[in-house]
Amino acid sequence: MKITKQIIGLLLALSTFTMTAQELSVDNSSSVNIERLPEYVVITSENTKLLGGMNINIASKKSNYENVLKDLEDLLQKNKNLAIRNQTDLLNAMSKLGFDYLDAYNASAGTVGAAAGEDVQAFGSNAKYRINMVFRKKMEFRD
């Protein structure tokens, strides 16, 4: 709860910036203190295709930042907070939270489709694509 109170001011300040593509809303009960987050964050996103949503995961096990990374994951994952449904929403949300996008690369893909090989097309496949996106704190938030 202390984390929540500390970042409410930051989020209110950030919410005054003009967003041209979309407006992000954050409920006050779940916020993350950017000062406690590491300089770099790698977020794995996976299209679930079920109801058009995304699964978001931040590896944090045994990290010095485990608790705050879990808080960030919860903030990004819960639809009622930032309503992240695709990579565009994720990029905009992380920018609003004080991070710049650096790079993206494919994560290990777990597929559930009935296809194999390079030349096979799997129409109606439930293949899931996992992308790792690398973010870095904006200059004004770095140590």
C-alpha atoms as a PDB file:
ATOM      1  CA  MET A   1       0.000   0.000   0.000  1.00  0.00           C
ATOM      2  CA  LYS A   2       2.937   2.348   0.632  1.00  0.00           C
ATOM      3  CA  ILE A   3       4.016   1.908  -2.983  1.00  0.00           C
ATOM      4  CA  THR A   4       0.517   2.878  -4.054  1.00  0.00           C
ATOM      5  CA  LYS A   5       0.562   6.146  -2.145  1.00  0.00           C
ATOM      6  CA  GLN A   6       4.043   7.088  -3.342  1.00  0.00           C
ATOM      7  CA  ILE A   7       3.289   6.842  -7.028  1.00  0.00           C
ATOM      8  CA  ILE A   8      -0.198   8.352  -7.108  1.00  0.00           C
ATOM      9  CA  GLY A   9       1.374  11.792  -7.427  1.00  0.00           C
ATOM     10  CA  LEU A  10       3.625  10.643 -10.274  1.00  0.00           C
ATOM     11  CA  LEU A  11       0.741   9.079 -12.145  1.00  0.00           C
ATOM     12  CA  LEU A  12      -1.385  12.175 -11.682  1.00  0.00           C
ATOM     13  CA  ALA A  13       1.438  14.299 -13.048  1.00  0.00           C
ATOM     14  CA  LEU A  14       1.934  11.962 -16.003  1.00  0.00           C
ATOM     15  CA  SER A  15      -1.791  11.917 -16.709  1.00  0.00           C
ATOM     16  CA  THR A  16      -1.659  15.633 -17.495  1.00  0.00           C
ATOM     17  CA  PHE A  17       0.540  14.955 -20.540  1.00  0.00           C
ATOM     18  CA  THR A  18      -1.405  14.955 -23.799  1.00  0.00           C
ATOM     19  CA  MET A  19      -2.011  11.517 -25.271  1.00  0.00           C
ATOM     20  CA  THR A  20      -2.923  11.712 -28.943  1.00  0.00           C
ATOM     21  CA  ALA A  21      -3.551   8.065 -29.817  1.00  0.00           C
ATOM     22  CA  GLN A  22      -5.318   6.825 -26.720  1.00  0.00           C
ATOM     23  CA  GLU A  23      -6.061   7.674 -23.145  1.00  0.00           C
ATOM     24  CA  LEU A  24      -4.831   5.361 -20.420  1.00  0.00           C
ATOM     25  CA  SER A  25      -6.578   5.228 -17.092  1.00  0.00           C
ATOM     26  CA  VAL A  26      -4.978   3.871 -13.942  1.00  0.00           C
ATOM     27  CA  ASP A  27      -7.028   3.067 -10.891  1.00  0.00           C
ATOM     28  CA  ASN A  28      -5.480   4.519  -7.745  1.00  0.00           C
ATOM     29  CA  SER A  29      -5.376   1.210  -5.873  1.00  0.00           C
ATOM     30  CA  SER A  30      -2.582  -0.232  -7.989  1.00  0.00           C
ATOM     31  CA  SER A  31       0.394   1.901  -8.827  1.00  0.00           C
ATOM     32  CA  VAL A  32       4.128   1.348  -9.138  1.00  0.00           C
ATOM     33  CA  ASN A  33       6.920   3.590  -7.887  1.00  0.00           C
ATOM     34  CA  ILE A  34       9.248   4.101 -10.850  1.00  0.00           C
ATOM     35  CA  GLU A  35      12.137   4.980  -8.554  1.00  0.00           C
ATOM     36  CA  ARG A  36      12.076   1.449  -7.139  1.00  0.00           C
ATOM     37  CA  LEU A  37      12.065  -0.218 -10.581  1.00  0.00           C
ATOM     38  CA  PRO A  38      15.311  -1.290 -12.267  1.00  0.00           C
ATOM     39  CA  GLU A  39      16.698   0.795 -15.135  1.00  0.00           C
ATOM     40  CA  TYR A  40      15.859  -1.959 -17.659  1.00  0.00           C
ATOM     41  CA  VAL A  41      12.692  -4.059 -17.749  1.00  0.00           C
ATOM     42  CA  VAL A  42      12.007  -6.950 -20.131  1.00  0.00           C
ATOM     43  CA  ILE A  43       8.321  -7.703 -20.600  1.00  0.00           C
ATOM     44  CA  THR A  44       7.098 -10.854 -22.309  1.00  0.00           C
ATOM     45  CA  SER A  45       3.765 -10.424 -24.010  1.00  0.00           C
ATOM     46  CA  GLU A  46       1.724 -13.211 -25.537  1.00  0.00           C
ATOM     47  CA  ASN A  47      -1.345 -12.771 -27.673  1.00  0.00           C
ATOM     48  CA  THR A  48      -4.025 -14.982 -26.182  1.00  0.00           C
ATOM     49  CA  LYS A  49      -6.402 -14.425 -29.125  1.00  0.00           C
ATOM     50  CA  LEU A  50      -9.178 -15.418 -26.748  1.00  0.00           C
ATOM     51  CA  LEU A  51     -11.335 -12.315 -26.538  1.00  0.00           C
ATOM     52  CA  GLY A  52      -8.479 -10.328 -28.065  1.00  0.00           C
ATOM     53  CA  GLY A  53      -6.418 -10.028 -24.898  1.00  0.00           C
ATOM     54  CA  MET A  54      -2.761 -10.340 -23.971  1.00  0.00           C
ATOM     55  CA  ASN A  55      -0.885 -12.223 -21.322  1.00  0.00           C
ATOM     56  CA  ILE A  56       1.928 -10.151 -19.801  1.00  0.00           C
ATOM     57  CA  ASN A  57       4.803 -11.645 -17.834  1.00  0.00           C
ATOM     58  CA  ILE A  58       7.856 -10.061 -16.223  1.00  0.00           C
ATOM     59  CA  ALA A  59      10.451 -12.546 -15.014  1.00  0.00           C
ATOM     60  CA  SER A  60      11.280 -11.491 -11.478  1.00  0.00           C
ATOM     61  CA  LYS A  61      12.035 -14.649  -9.503  1.00  0.00           C
ATOM     62  CA  LYS A  62      15.032 -14.153  -7.179  1.00  0.00           C
ATOM     63  CA  SER A  63      15.573 -10.638  -8.508  1.00  0.00           C
ATOM     64  CA  ASN A  64      16.459  -7.771  -6.165  1.00  0.00           C
ATOM     65  CA  TYR A  65      13.437  -6.057  -7.724  1.00  0.00           C
ATOM     66  CA  GLU A  66      11.061  -9.015  -7.390  1.00  0.00           C
ATOM     67  CA  ASN A  67       8.292  -7.265  -5.443  1.00  0.00           C
ATOM     68  CA  VAL A  68       8.139  -4.094  -7.520  1.00  0.00           C
ATOM     69  CA  LEU A  69       8.371  -6.080 -10.789  1.00  0.00           C
ATOM     70  CA  LYS A  70       5.421  -8.204  -9.653  1.00  0.00           C
ATOM     71  CA  ASP A  71       3.523  -4.997  -8.872  1.00  0.00           C
ATOM     72  CA  LEU A  72       4.311  -3.690 -12.364  1.00  0.00           C
ATOM     73  CA  GLU A  73       3.186  -6.969 -13.936  1.00  0.00           C
ATOM     74  CA  ASP A  74      -0.076  -6.835 -11.981  1.00  0.00           C
ATOM     75  CA  LEU A  75      -0.629  -3.229 -13.037  1.00  0.00           C
ATOM     76  CA  LEU A  76      -0.078  -4.061 -16.713  1.00  0.00           C
ATOM     77  CA  GLN A  77      -1.970  -7.368 -16.675  1.00  0.00           C
ATOM     78  CA  LYS A  78      -5.230  -6.269 -15.091  1.00  0.00           C
ATOM     79  CA  ASN A  79      -7.647  -4.997 -17.721  1.00  0.00           C
ATOM     80  CA  LYS A  80      -9.390  -2.639 -15.321  1.00  0.00           C
ATOM     81  CA  ASN A  81      -6.173  -0.694 -14.783  1.00  0.00           C
ATOM     82  CA  LEU A  82      -4.561   0.019 -18.144  1.00  0.00           C
ATOM     83  CA  ALA A  83      -6.723  -2.089 -20.483  1.00  0.00           C
ATOM     84  CA  ILE A  84      -3.713  -3.440 -22.359  1.00  0.00           C
ATOM     85  CA  ARG A  85      -4.981  -5.540 -25.251  1.00  0.00           C
ATOM     86  CA  ASN A  86      -2.024  -5.391 -27.679  1.00  0.00           C
ATOM     87  CA  GLN A  87       1.612  -4.292 -28.066  1.00  0.00           C
ATOM     88  CA  THR A  88       0.569  -0.730 -28.955  1.00  0.00           C
ATOM     89  CA  ASP A  89      -1.236  -0.413 -25.624  1.00  0.00           C
ATOM     90  CA  LEU A  90       1.803  -1.868 -23.846  1.00  0.00           C
ATOM     91  CA  LEU A  91       4.186   0.605 -25.512  1.00  0.00           C
ATOM     92  CA  ASN A  92       1.962   3.557 -24.609  1.00  0.00           C
ATOM     93  CA  ALA A  93       1.430   2.367 -21.035  1.00  0.00           C
ATOM     94  CA  MET A  94       5.164   1.904 -20.422  1.00  0.00           C
ATOM     95  CA  SER A  95       5.872   5.333 -21.901  1.00  0.00           C
ATOM     96  CA  LYS A  96       3.310   6.870 -19.589  1.00  0.00           C
ATOM     97  CA  LEU A  97       4.869   5.044 -16.638  1.00  0.00           C
ATOM     98  CA  GLY A  98       8.289   6.555 -17.434  1.00  0.00           C
ATOM     99  CA  PHE A  99       9.988   4.064 -19.776  1.00  0.00           C
ATOM    100  CA  ASP A 100      11.345   4.267 -23.321  1.00  0.00           C
ATOM    101  CA  TYR A 101      11.102   1.335 -25.717  1.00  0.00           C
ATOM    102  CA  LEU A 102      14.518  -0.058 -26.734  1.00  0.00           C
ATOM    103  CA  ASP A 103      14.085  -3.332 -28.595  1.00  0.00           C
ATOM    104  CA  ALA A 104      11.971  -6.430 -29.119  1.00  0.00           C
ATOM    105  CA  TYR A 105      12.794 -10.027 -29.933  1.00  0.00           C
ATOM    106  CA  ASN A 106      10.914 -13.299 -30.207  1.00  0.00           C
ATOM    107  CA  ALA A 107      10.561 -15.313 -27.041  1.00  0.00           C
ATOM    108  CA  SER A 108      10.309 -19.088 -27.049  1.00  0.00           C
ATOM    109  CA  ALA A 109       6.975 -19.781 -28.671  1.00  0.00           C
ATOM    110  CA  GLY A 110       4.564 -22.226 -27.174  1.00  0.00           C
ATOM    111  CA  THR A 111       2.196 -23.230 -29.945  1.00  0.00           C
ATOM    112  CA  VAL A 112      -0.999 -25.187 -29.737  1.00  0.00           C
ATOM    113  CA  GLY A 113      -1.645 -25.381 -33.489  1.00  0.00           C
ATOM    114  CA  ALA A 114      -1.848 -28.506 -35.614  1.00  0.00           C
ATOM    115  CA  ALA A 115       1.034 -27.625 -37.910  1.00  0.00           C
ATOM    116  CA  ALA A 116       4.691 -28.447 -38.322  1.00  0.00           C
ATOM    117  CA  GLY A 117       7.476 -27.381 -40.637  1.00  0.00           C
ATOM    118  CA  GLU A 118       8.217 -24.162 -42.457  1.00  0.00           C
ATOM    119  CA  ASP A 119       5.869 -24.641 -45.421  1.00  0.00           C
ATOM    120  CA  VAL A 120       2.772 -25.676 -43.476  1.00  0.00           C
ATOM    121  CA  GLN A 121       0.002 -23.143 -43.072  1.00  0.00           C
ATOM    122  CA  ALA A 122      -2.199 -23.673 -40.069  1.00  0.00           C
ATOM    123  CA  PHE A 123      -5.531 -22.044 -40.745  1.00  0.00           C
ATOM    124  CA  GLY A 124      -7.545 -21.752 -37.567  1.00  0.00           C
ATOM    125  CA  SER A 125      -4.467 -22.485 -35.513  1.00  0.00           C
ATOM    126  CA  ASN A 126      -4.344 -21.373 -31.905  1.00  0.00           C
ATOM    127  CA  ALA A 127      -0.648 -20.553 -32.209  1.00  0.00           C
ATOM    128  CA  LYS A 128       0.506 -18.061 -29.626  1.00  0.00           C
ATOM    129  CA  TYR A 129       3.303 -15.633 -30.327  1.00  0.00           C
ATOM    130  CA  ARG A 130       5.496 -14.452 -27.478  1.00  0.00           C
ATOM    131  CA  ILE A 131       7.501 -11.254 -27.786  1.00  0.00           C
ATOM    132  CA  ASN A 132      10.071  -9.893 -25.339  1.00  0.00           C
ATOM    133  CA  MET A 133      10.062  -6.103 -25.271  1.00  0.00           C
ATOM    134  CA  VAL A 134      12.942  -4.232 -23.652  1.00  0.00           C
ATOM    135  CA  PHE A 135      12.254  -0.928 -21.902  1.00  0.00           C
ATOM    136  CA  ARG A 136      14.615   1.534 -20.213  1.00  0.00           C
ATOM    137  CA  LYS A 137      13.759   4.278 -17.760  1.00  0.00           C
ATOM    138  CA  LYS A 138      13.538   7.712 -19.308  1.00  0.00           C
ATOM    139  CA  MET A 139      16.547   9.934 -18.517  1.00  0.00           C
ATOM    140  CA  GLU A 140      14.701  11.942 -15.861  1.00  0.00           C
ATOM    141  CA  PHE A 141      13.994   8.767 -13.830  1.00  0.00           C
ATOM    142  CA  ARG A 142      17.461   7.164 -13.972  1.00  0.00           C
ATOM    143  CA  ASP A 143      19.770   7.134 -10.954  1.00  0.00           C
END
